[in-house]
PDB file of all heavy atoms in Angstrom:
ATOM      1  N   GLY A   1      44.519  70.932 -64.422  1.00  0.00           N
ATOM      2  CA  GLY A   1      44.986  69.775 -63.703  1.00  0.00           C
ATOM      3  C   GLY A   1      46.080  69.062 -64.491  1.00  0.00           C
ATOM      4  O   GLY A   1      47.285  69.416 -64.403  1.00  0.00           O
ATOM      5  N   SER A   2      45.655  68.127 -65.323  1.00  0.00           N
ATOM      6  CA  SER A   2      46.658  67.355 -66.083  1.00  0.00           C
ATOM      7  C   SER A   2      47.092  68.097 -67.334  1.00  0.00           C
ATOM      8  O   SER A   2      47.981  67.632 -68.055  1.00  0.00           O
ATOM      9  CB  SER A   2      46.080  65.980 -66.479  1.00  0.00           C
ATOM     10  OG  SER A   2      44.923  66.097 -67.266  1.00  0.00           O
ATOM     11  N   SER A   3      46.427  69.215 -67.648  1.00  0.00           N
ATOM     12  CA  SER A   3      46.774  69.985 -68.815  1.00  0.00           C
ATOM     13  C   SER A   3      46.516  71.478 -68.596  1.00  0.00           C
ATOM     14  O   SER A   3      45.818  71.847 -67.655  1.00  0.00           O
ATOM     15  CB  SER A   3      45.995  69.520 -70.036  1.00  0.00           C
ATOM     16  OG  SER A   3      44.614  69.748 -69.863  1.00  0.00           O
ATOM     17  N   VAL A   4      47.096  72.269 -69.474  1.00  0.00           N
ATOM     18  CA  VAL A   4      46.895  73.697 -69.441  1.00  0.00           C
ATOM     19  C   VAL A   4      46.252  74.060 -70.815  1.00  0.00           C
ATOM     20  O   VAL A   4      46.778  73.681 -71.846  1.00  0.00           O
ATOM     21  CB  VAL A   4      48.190  74.529 -69.219  1.00  0.00           C
ATOM     22  CG1 VAL A   4      47.867  76.013 -69.289  1.00  0.00           C
ATOM     23  CG2 VAL A   4      48.875  74.132 -67.928  1.00  0.00           C
ATOM     24  N   HIS A   5      45.166  74.817 -70.751  1.00  0.00           N
ATOM     25  CA  HIS A   5      44.567  75.327 -72.007  1.00  0.00           C
ATOM     26  C   HIS A   5      45.081  76.750 -72.233  1.00  0.00           C
ATOM     27  O   HIS A   5      44.711  77.640 -71.473  1.00  0.00           O
ATOM     28  CB  HIS A   5      43.046  75.320 -71.900  1.00  0.00           C
ATOM     29  CG  HIS A   5      42.455  73.899 -71.966  1.00  0.00           C
ATOM     30  ND1 HIS A   5      41.137  73.674 -72.278  1.00  0.00           N
ATOM     31  CD2 HIS A   5      42.996  72.710 -71.739  1.00  0.00           C
ATOM     32  CE1 HIS A   5      40.866  72.411 -72.194  1.00  0.00           C
ATOM     33  NE2 HIS A   5      42.015  71.786 -71.905  1.00  0.00           N
ATOM     34  N   LEU A   6      45.874  76.933 -73.246  1.00  0.00           N
ATOM     35  CA  LEU A   6      46.414  78.215 -73.558  1.00  0.00           C
ATOM     36  C   LEU A   6      45.625  78.834 -74.695  1.00  0.00           C
ATOM     37  O   LEU A   6      45.407  78.279 -75.725  1.00  0.00           O
ATOM     38  CB  LEU A   6      47.883  78.077 -74.037  1.00  0.00           C
ATOM     39  CG  LEU A   6      48.925  77.594 -72.989  1.00  0.00           C
ATOM     40  CD1 LEU A   6      50.292  77.544 -73.664  1.00  0.00           C
ATOM     41  CD2 LEU A   6      48.934  78.504 -71.773  1.00  0.00           C
ATOM     42  N   HIS A   7      45.138  80.107 -74.451  1.00  0.00           N
ATOM     43  CA  HIS A   7      44.515  80.889 -75.465  1.00  0.00           C
ATOM     44  C   HIS A   7      45.612  81.904 -75.900  1.00  0.00           C
ATOM     45  O   HIS A   7      45.985  82.771 -75.093  1.00  0.00           O
ATOM     46  CB  HIS A   7      43.302  81.573 -74.888  1.00  0.00           C
ATOM     47  CG  HIS A   7      42.262  80.636 -74.473  1.00  0.00           C
ATOM     48  ND1 HIS A   7      41.091  80.399 -75.218  1.00  0.00           N
ATOM     49  CD2 HIS A   7      42.148  79.888 -73.373  1.00  0.00           C
ATOM     50  CE1 HIS A   7      40.348  79.540 -74.560  1.00  0.00           C
ATOM     51  NE2 HIS A   7      40.960  79.160 -73.437  1.00  0.00           N
ATOM     52  N   VAL A   8      46.087  81.759 -77.117  1.00  0.00           N
ATOM     53  CA  VAL A   8      47.193  82.589 -77.574  1.00  0.00           C
ATOM     54  C   VAL A   8      46.751  83.368 -78.796  1.00  0.00           C
ATOM     55  O   VAL A   8      45.799  83.068 -79.476  1.00  0.00           O
ATOM     56  CB  VAL A   8      48.462  81.747 -77.901  1.00  0.00           C
ATOM     57  CG1 VAL A   8      48.839  80.900 -76.703  1.00  0.00           C
ATOM     58  CG2 VAL A   8      48.234  80.867 -79.135  1.00  0.00           C
ATOM     59  N   ASN A   9      47.537  84.443 -79.024  1.00  0.00           N
ATOM     60  CA  ASN A   9      47.315  85.291 -80.208  1.00  0.00           C
ATOM     61  C   ASN A   9      48.472  85.045 -81.136  1.00  0.00           C
ATOM     62  O   ASN A   9      49.630  85.301 -80.811  1.00  0.00           O
ATOM     63  CB  ASN A   9      47.203  86.719 -79.824  1.00  0.00           C
ATOM     64  CG  ASN A   9      46.883  87.674 -81.009  1.00  0.00           C
ATOM     65  OD1 ASN A   9      47.607  87.754 -81.955  1.00  0.00           O
ATOM     66  ND2 ASN A   9      45.696  88.236 -80.912  1.00  0.00           N
ATOM     67  N   ALA A  10      48.161  84.570 -82.336  1.00  0.00           N
ATOM     68  CA  ALA A  10      49.211  84.312 -83.372  1.00  0.00           C
ATOM     69  C   ALA A  10      48.834  85.093 -84.607  1.00  0.00           C
ATOM     70  O   ALA A  10      47.938  84.688 -85.379  1.00  0.00           O
ATOM     71  CB  ALA A  10      49.281  82.800 -83.652  1.00  0.00           C
ATOM     72  N   GLY A  11      49.554  86.190 -84.840  1.00  0.00           N
ATOM     73  CA  GLY A  11      49.298  86.977 -86.020  1.00  0.00           C
ATOM     74  C   GLY A  11      47.878  87.541 -86.093  1.00  0.00           C
ATOM     75  O   GLY A  11      47.299  87.628 -87.120  1.00  0.00           O
ATOM     76  N   GLY A  12      47.299  87.877 -84.900  1.00  0.00           N
ATOM     77  CA  GLY A  12      45.983  88.425 -84.864  1.00  0.00           C
ATOM     78  C   GLY A  12      44.858  87.367 -84.817  1.00  0.00           C
ATOM     79  O   GLY A  12      43.720  87.674 -84.712  1.00  0.00           O
ATOM     80  N   LYS A  13      45.274  86.145 -84.826  1.00  0.00           N
ATOM     81  CA  LYS A  13      44.319  84.995 -84.785  1.00  0.00           C
ATOM     82  C   LYS A  13      44.310  84.371 -83.397  1.00  0.00           C
ATOM     83  O   LYS A  13      45.357  84.075 -82.833  1.00  0.00           O
ATOM     84  CB  LYS A  13      44.677  83.967 -85.807  1.00  0.00           C
ATOM     85  CG  LYS A  13      43.843  82.718 -85.844  1.00  0.00           C
ATOM     86  CD  LYS A  13      42.552  82.934 -86.568  1.00  0.00           C
ATOM     87  CE  LYS A  13      42.681  83.111 -88.049  1.00  0.00           C
ATOM     88  NZ  LYS A  13      41.392  83.222 -88.734  1.00  0.00           N
ATOM     89  N   ASP A  14      43.107  84.140 -82.825  1.00  0.00           N
ATOM     90  CA  ASP A  14      43.032  83.455 -81.545  1.00  0.00           C
ATOM     91  C   ASP A  14      43.182  81.954 -81.760  1.00  0.00           C
ATOM     92  O   ASP A  14      42.526  81.375 -82.560  1.00  0.00           O
ATOM     93  CB  ASP A  14      41.633  83.687 -80.912  1.00  0.00           C
ATOM     94  CG  ASP A  14      41.485  85.171 -80.459  1.00  0.00           C
ATOM     95  OD1 ASP A  14      42.482  85.734 -80.062  1.00  0.00           O
ATOM     96  OD2 ASP A  14      40.357  85.692 -80.558  1.00  0.00           O
ATOM     97  N   VAL A  15      44.089  81.349 -80.966  1.00  0.00           N
ATOM     98  CA  VAL A  15      44.395  79.943 -81.114  1.00  0.00           C
ATOM     99  C   VAL A  15      44.372  79.287 -79.712  1.00  0.00           C
ATOM    100  O   VAL A  15      44.816  79.927 -78.741  1.00  0.00           O
ATOM    101  CB  VAL A  15      45.825  79.731 -81.719  1.00  0.00           C
ATOM    102  CG1 VAL A  15      46.127  78.261 -81.846  1.00  0.00           C
ATOM    103  CG2 VAL A  15      45.920  80.445 -83.080  1.00  0.00           C
ATOM    104  N   VAL A  16      43.779  78.150 -79.626  1.00  0.00           N
ATOM    105  CA  VAL A  16      43.758  77.373 -78.356  1.00  0.00           C
ATOM    106  C   VAL A  16      44.720  76.206 -78.492  1.00  0.00           C
ATOM    107  O   VAL A  16      44.702  75.474 -79.477  1.00  0.00           O
ATOM    108  CB  VAL A  16      42.329  76.847 -78.067  1.00  0.00           C
ATOM    109  CG1 VAL A  16      42.344  76.080 -76.727  1.00  0.00           C
ATOM    110  CG2 VAL A  16      41.335  78.017 -77.970  1.00  0.00           C
ATOM    111  N   ILE A  17      45.535  76.066 -77.456  1.00  0.00           N
ATOM    112  CA  ILE A  17      46.539  74.942 -77.441  1.00  0.00           C
ATOM    113  C   ILE A  17      46.372  74.243 -76.090  1.00  0.00           C
ATOM    114  O   ILE A  17      46.271  74.824 -75.015  1.00  0.00           O
ATOM    115  CB  ILE A  17      47.990  75.517 -77.501  1.00  0.00           C
ATOM    116  CG1 ILE A  17      48.177  76.395 -78.711  1.00  0.00           C
ATOM    117  CG2 ILE A  17      48.985  74.385 -77.516  1.00  0.00           C
ATOM    118  CD1 ILE A  17      49.529  77.140 -78.782  1.00  0.00           C
ATOM    119  N   ILE A  18      46.296  72.890 -76.148  1.00  0.00           N
ATOM    120  CA  ILE A  18      46.221  72.080 -74.954  1.00  0.00           C
ATOM    121  C   ILE A  18      47.621  71.502 -74.704  1.00  0.00           C
ATOM    122  O   ILE A  18      48.147  70.743 -75.514  1.00  0.00           O
ATOM    123  CB  ILE A  18      45.177  70.935 -75.127  1.00  0.00           C
ATOM    124  CG1 ILE A  18      43.805  71.540 -75.310  1.00  0.00           C
ATOM    125  CG2 ILE A  18      45.212  70.010 -73.837  1.00  0.00           C
ATOM    126  CD1 ILE A  18      42.710  70.481 -75.486  1.00  0.00           C
ATOM    127  N   VAL A  19      48.159  71.890 -73.555  1.00  0.00           N
ATOM    128  CA  VAL A  19      49.550  71.508 -73.194  1.00  0.00           C
ATOM    129  C   VAL A  19      49.450  70.542 -72.025  1.00  0.00           C
ATOM    130  O   VAL A  19      48.913  70.875 -70.961  1.00  0.00           O
ATOM    131  CB  VAL A  19      50.393  72.668 -72.865  1.00  0.00           C
ATOM    132  CG1 VAL A  19      51.835  72.226 -72.519  1.00  0.00           C
ATOM    133  CG2 VAL A  19      50.394  73.724 -73.994  1.00  0.00           C
ATOM    134  N   SER A  20      49.970  69.285 -72.170  1.00  0.00           N
ATOM    135  CA  SER A  20      49.992  68.375 -71.069  1.00  0.00           C
ATOM    136  C   SER A  20      51.023  68.809 -70.019  1.00  0.00           C
ATOM    137  O   SER A  20      52.138  69.240 -70.379  1.00  0.00           O
ATOM    138  CB  SER A  20      50.360  66.982 -71.548  1.00  0.00           C
ATOM    139  OG  SER A  20      50.523  66.076 -70.459  1.00  0.00           O
ATOM    140  N   THR A  21      50.656  68.720 -68.758  1.00  0.00           N
ATOM    141  CA  THR A  21      51.593  69.088 -67.669  1.00  0.00           C
ATOM    142  C   THR A  21      52.340  67.901 -67.109  1.00  0.00           C
ATOM    143  O   THR A  21      53.148  68.043 -66.239  1.00  0.00           O
ATOM    144  CB  THR A  21      50.809  69.781 -66.527  1.00  0.00           C
ATOM    145  OG1 THR A  21      49.839  68.857 -66.013  1.00  0.00           O
ATOM    146  CG2 THR A  21      50.108  71.033 -67.019  1.00  0.00           C
ATOM    147  N   MET A  22      52.075  66.735 -67.657  1.00  0.00           N
ATOM    148  CA  MET A  22      52.646  65.484 -67.090  1.00  0.00           C
ATOM    149  C   MET A  22      54.149  65.454 -67.112  1.00  0.00           C
ATOM    150  O   MET A  22      54.843  64.964 -66.188  1.00  0.00           O
ATOM    151  CB  MET A  22      52.101  64.251 -67.825  1.00  0.00           C
ATOM    152  CG  MET A  22      50.577  64.134 -67.770  1.00  0.00           C
ATOM    153  SD  MET A  22      49.883  64.098 -66.134  1.00  0.00           S
ATOM    154  CE  MET A  22      50.382  62.470 -65.638  1.00  0.00           C
ATOM    155  N   ASP A  23      54.745  66.035 -68.204  1.00  0.00           N
ATOM    156  CA  ASP A  23      56.238  65.980 -68.365  1.00  0.00           C
ATOM    157  C   ASP A  23      56.823  67.369 -68.141  1.00  0.00           C
ATOM    158  O   ASP A  23      57.962  67.588 -68.573  1.00  0.00           O
ATOM    159  CB  ASP A  23      56.590  65.450 -69.747  1.00  0.00           C
ATOM    160  CG  ASP A  23      56.071  64.014 -69.940  1.00  0.00           C
ATOM    161  OD1 ASP A  23      56.136  63.226 -69.025  1.00  0.00           O
ATOM    162  OD2 ASP A  23      55.584  63.748 -71.047  1.00  0.00           O
ATOM    163  N   MET A  24      56.128  68.239 -67.477  1.00  0.00           N
ATOM    164  CA  MET A  24      56.643  69.614 -67.239  1.00  0.00           C
ATOM    165  C   MET A  24      56.895  69.806 -65.752  1.00  0.00           C
ATOM    166  O   MET A  24      56.253  69.258 -64.868  1.00  0.00           O
ATOM    167  CB  MET A  24      55.614  70.640 -67.734  1.00  0.00           C
ATOM    168  CG  MET A  24      55.305  70.559 -69.207  1.00  0.00           C
ATOM    169  SD  MET A  24      53.955  71.708 -69.717  1.00  0.00           S
ATOM    170  CE  MET A  24      54.747  73.299 -69.472  1.00  0.00           C
ATOM    171  N   THR A  25      57.944  70.640 -65.509  1.00  0.00           N
ATOM    172  CA  THR A  25      58.202  71.032 -64.124  1.00  0.00           C
ATOM    173  C   THR A  25      57.213  72.152 -63.679  1.00  0.00           C
ATOM    174  O   THR A  25      56.582  72.778 -64.533  1.00  0.00           O
ATOM    175  CB  THR A  25      59.620  71.552 -63.996  1.00  0.00           C
ATOM    176  OG1 THR A  25      59.745  72.790 -64.723  1.00  0.00           O
ATOM    177  CG2 THR A  25      60.627  70.509 -64.472  1.00  0.00           C
ATOM    178  N   GLY A  26      57.125  72.331 -62.391  1.00  0.00           N
ATOM    179  CA  GLY A  26      56.281  73.392 -61.863  1.00  0.00           C
ATOM    180  C   GLY A  26      56.677  74.770 -62.462  1.00  0.00           C
ATOM    181  O   GLY A  26      55.795  75.623 -62.719  1.00  0.00           O
ATOM    182  N   ALA A  27      57.950  74.980 -62.554  1.00  0.00           N
ATOM    183  CA  ALA A  27      58.437  76.259 -63.057  1.00  0.00           C
ATOM    184  C   ALA A  27      58.000  76.469 -64.539  1.00  0.00           C
ATOM    185  O   ALA A  27      57.675  77.580 -64.946  1.00  0.00           O
ATOM    186  CB  ALA A  27      59.956  76.352 -62.950  1.00  0.00           C
ATOM    187  N   GLN A  28      58.076  75.392 -65.338  1.00  0.00           N
ATOM    188  CA  GLN A  28      57.644  75.454 -66.737  1.00  0.00           C
ATOM    189  C   GLN A  28      56.181  75.795 -66.874  1.00  0.00           C
ATOM    190  O   GLN A  28      55.756  76.586 -67.702  1.00  0.00           O
ATOM    191  CB  GLN A  28      57.976  74.172 -67.475  1.00  0.00           C
ATOM    192  CG  GLN A  28      59.486  73.935 -67.718  1.00  0.00           C
ATOM    193  CD  GLN A  28      59.772  72.586 -68.334  1.00  0.00           C
ATOM    194  OE1 GLN A  28      59.174  71.565 -67.895  1.00  0.00           O
ATOM    195  NE2 GLN A  28      60.665  72.518 -69.258  1.00  0.00           N
ATOM    196  N   VAL A  29      55.374  75.155 -66.048  1.00  0.00           N
ATOM    197  CA  VAL A  29      53.925  75.433 -66.048  1.00  0.00           C
ATOM    198  C   VAL A  29      53.628  76.851 -65.619  1.00  0.00           C
ATOM    199  O   VAL A  29      52.834  77.552 -66.215  1.00  0.00           O
ATOM    200  CB  VAL A  29      53.158  74.451 -65.105  1.00  0.00           C
ATOM    201  CG1 VAL A  29      51.703  74.810 -64.999  1.00  0.00           C
ATOM    202  CG2 VAL A  29      53.332  73.011 -65.600  1.00  0.00           C
ATOM    203  N   ALA A  30      54.372  77.284 -64.574  1.00  0.00           N
ATOM    204  CA  ALA A  30      54.148  78.655 -64.059  1.00  0.00           C
ATOM    205  C   ALA A  30      54.559  79.723 -65.074  1.00  0.00           C
ATOM    206  O   ALA A  30      54.012  80.835 -65.054  1.00  0.00           O
ATOM    207  CB  ALA A  30      54.940  78.840 -62.745  1.00  0.00           C
ATOM    208  N   ALA A  31      55.447  79.353 -66.004  1.00  0.00           N
ATOM    209  CA  ALA A  31      55.961  80.306 -67.016  1.00  0.00           C
ATOM    210  C   ALA A  31      54.852  80.595 -68.096  1.00  0.00           C
ATOM    211  O   ALA A  31      55.006  81.601 -68.784  1.00  0.00           O
ATOM    212  CB  ALA A  31      57.215  79.802 -67.650  1.00  0.00           C
ATOM    213  N   LEU A  32      53.886  79.696 -68.182  1.00  0.00           N
ATOM    214  CA  LEU A  32      52.844  79.889 -69.215  1.00  0.00           C
ATOM    215  C   LEU A  32      51.754  80.793 -68.719  1.00  0.00           C
ATOM    216  O   LEU A  32      50.609  80.415 -68.492  1.00  0.00           O
ATOM    217  CB  LEU A  32      52.259  78.515 -69.581  1.00  0.00           C
ATOM    218  CG  LEU A  32      53.275  77.488 -70.163  1.00  0.00           C
ATOM    219  CD1 LEU A  32      52.570  76.144 -70.383  1.00  0.00           C
ATOM    220  CD2 LEU A  32      53.835  78.000 -71.457  1.00  0.00           C
ATOM    221  N   THR A  33      52.120  82.041 -68.485  1.00  0.00           N
ATOM    222  CA  THR A  33      51.197  83.044 -67.953  1.00  0.00           C
ATOM    223  C   THR A  33      50.834  84.084 -69.032  1.00  0.00           C
ATOM    224  O   THR A  33      51.449  84.121 -70.102  1.00  0.00           O
ATOM    225  CB  THR A  33      51.809  83.741 -66.719  1.00  0.00           C
ATOM    226  OG1 THR A  33      53.051  84.358 -67.131  1.00  0.00           O
ATOM    227  CG2 THR A  33      52.035  82.809 -65.591  1.00  0.00           C
ATOM    228  N   THR A  34      49.839  84.904 -68.704  1.00  0.00           N
ATOM    229  CA  THR A  34      49.418  85.902 -69.634  1.00  0.00           C
ATOM    230  C   THR A  34      50.603  86.821 -70.020  1.00  0.00           C
ATOM    231  O   THR A  34      51.340  87.278 -69.164  1.00  0.00           O
ATOM    232  CB  THR A  34      48.345  86.784 -69.009  1.00  0.00           C
ATOM    233  OG1 THR A  34      47.213  85.962 -68.699  1.00  0.00           O
ATOM    234  CG2 THR A  34      47.838  87.891 -69.949  1.00  0.00           C
ATOM    235  N   GLY A  35      50.778  87.020 -71.330  1.00  0.00           N
ATOM    236  CA  GLY A  35      51.867  87.857 -71.837  1.00  0.00           C
ATOM    237  C   GLY A  35      53.056  87.071 -72.251  1.00  0.00           C
ATOM    238  O   GLY A  35      53.986  87.657 -72.871  1.00  0.00           O
ATOM    239  N   ALA A  36      53.161  85.780 -71.883  1.00  0.00           N
ATOM    240  CA  ALA A  36      54.354  85.024 -72.235  1.00  0.00           C
ATOM    241  C   ALA A  36      54.433  84.820 -73.729  1.00  0.00           C
ATOM    242  O   ALA A  36      53.412  84.596 -74.389  1.00  0.00           O
ATOM    243  CB  ALA A  36      54.306  83.647 -71.493  1.00  0.00           C
ATOM    244  N   ASN A  37      55.698  84.846 -74.287  1.00  0.00           N
ATOM    245  CA  ASN A  37      55.897  84.598 -75.715  1.00  0.00           C
ATOM    246  C   ASN A  37      56.201  83.116 -75.886  1.00  0.00           C
ATOM    247  O   ASN A  37      57.060  82.540 -75.190  1.00  0.00           O
ATOM    248  CB  ASN A  37      57.084  85.448 -76.211  1.00  0.00           C
ATOM    249  CG  ASN A  37      56.729  86.907 -76.232  1.00  0.00           C
ATOM    250  OD1 ASN A  37      55.688  87.317 -76.792  1.00  0.00           O
ATOM    251  ND2 ASN A  37      57.576  87.747 -75.669  1.00  0.00           N
ATOM    252  N   VAL A  38      55.478  82.455 -76.800  1.00  0.00           N
ATOM    253  CA  VAL A  38      55.696  81.055 -77.062  1.00  0.00           C
ATOM    254  C   VAL A  38      55.747  80.831 -78.586  1.00  0.00           C
ATOM    255  O   VAL A  38      55.462  81.736 -79.363  1.00  0.00           O
ATOM    256  CB  VAL A  38      54.536  80.223 -76.464  1.00  0.00           C
ATOM    257  CG1 VAL A  38      54.488  80.274 -74.954  1.00  0.00           C
ATOM    258  CG2 VAL A  38      53.168  80.625 -77.057  1.00  0.00           C
ATOM    259  N   GLN A  39      56.168  79.637 -78.962  1.00  0.00           N
ATOM    260  CA  GLN A  39      56.091  79.212 -80.346  1.00  0.00           C
ATOM    261  C   GLN A  39      55.484  77.857 -80.399  1.00  0.00           C
ATOM    262  O   GLN A  39      55.665  77.011 -79.485  1.00  0.00           O
ATOM    263  CB  GLN A  39      57.519  79.164 -80.966  1.00  0.00           C
ATOM    264  CG  GLN A  39      58.140  80.543 -81.029  1.00  0.00           C
ATOM    265  CD  GLN A  39      59.438  80.524 -81.863  1.00  0.00           C
ATOM    266  OE1 GLN A  39      59.399  80.398 -83.097  1.00  0.00           O
ATOM    267  NE2 GLN A  39      60.586  80.687 -81.182  1.00  0.00           N
ATOM    268  N   PHE A  40      54.680  77.584 -81.466  1.00  0.00           N
ATOM    269  CA  PHE A  40      54.020  76.300 -81.539  1.00  0.00           C
ATOM    270  C   PHE A  40      54.176  75.671 -82.920  1.00  0.00           C
ATOM    271  O   PHE A  40      54.490  76.394 -83.928  1.00  0.00           O
ATOM    272  CB  PHE A  40      52.536  76.410 -81.124  1.00  0.00           C
ATOM    273  CG  PHE A  40      51.690  77.252 -82.091  1.00  0.00           C
ATOM    274  CD1 PHE A  40      51.167  76.697 -83.276  1.00  0.00           C
ATOM    275  CD2 PHE A  40      51.392  78.568 -81.784  1.00  0.00           C
ATOM    276  CE1 PHE A  40      50.384  77.471 -84.114  1.00  0.00           C
ATOM    277  CE2 PHE A  40      50.629  79.350 -82.617  1.00  0.00           C
ATOM    278  CZ  PHE A  40      50.098  78.763 -83.782  1.00  0.00           C
ATOM    279  N   ALA A  41      53.947  74.362 -82.945  1.00  0.00           N
ATOM    280  CA  ALA A  41      54.058  73.639 -84.262  1.00  0.00           C
ATOM    281  C   ALA A  41      52.984  72.519 -84.261  1.00  0.00           C
ATOM    282  O   ALA A  41      52.416  72.219 -83.216  1.00  0.00           O
ATOM    283  CB  ALA A  41      55.469  73.076 -84.410  1.00  0.00           C
ATOM    284  N   PHE A  42      52.860  71.893 -85.403  1.00  0.00           N
ATOM    285  CA  PHE A  42      51.937  70.749 -85.520  1.00  0.00           C
ATOM    286  C   PHE A  42      52.435  69.865 -86.672  1.00  0.00           C
ATOM    287  O   PHE A  42      53.156  70.321 -87.549  1.00  0.00           O
ATOM    288  CB  PHE A  42      50.497  71.234 -85.791  1.00  0.00           C
ATOM    289  CG  PHE A  42      50.397  72.364 -86.813  1.00  0.00           C
ATOM    290  CD1 PHE A  42      50.390  72.106 -88.153  1.00  0.00           C
ATOM    291  CD2 PHE A  42      50.371  73.648 -86.367  1.00  0.00           C
ATOM    292  CE1 PHE A  42      50.290  73.105 -89.071  1.00  0.00           C
ATOM    293  CE2 PHE A  42      50.284  74.741 -87.261  1.00  0.00           C
ATOM    294  CZ  PHE A  42      50.246  74.450 -88.654  1.00  0.00           C
ATOM    295  N   GLY A  43      52.042  68.626 -86.642  1.00  0.00           N
ATOM    296  CA  GLY A  43      52.478  67.645 -87.645  1.00  0.00           C
ATOM    297  C   GLY A  43      51.571  67.577 -88.865  1.00  0.00           C
ATOM    298  O   GLY A  43      50.414  67.942 -88.809  1.00  0.00           O
TER     299      GLY A  43
END
């Protein structure tokens, strides 16, 4: 609903990322599908 829970593989490690959909377009949300390549960061 208000967020997408992404289960991603980063260097053989399973990682869960919670992405808020509040500031995303429908196309951006739809792009987060199985097999999509992404990059992530943290503070």
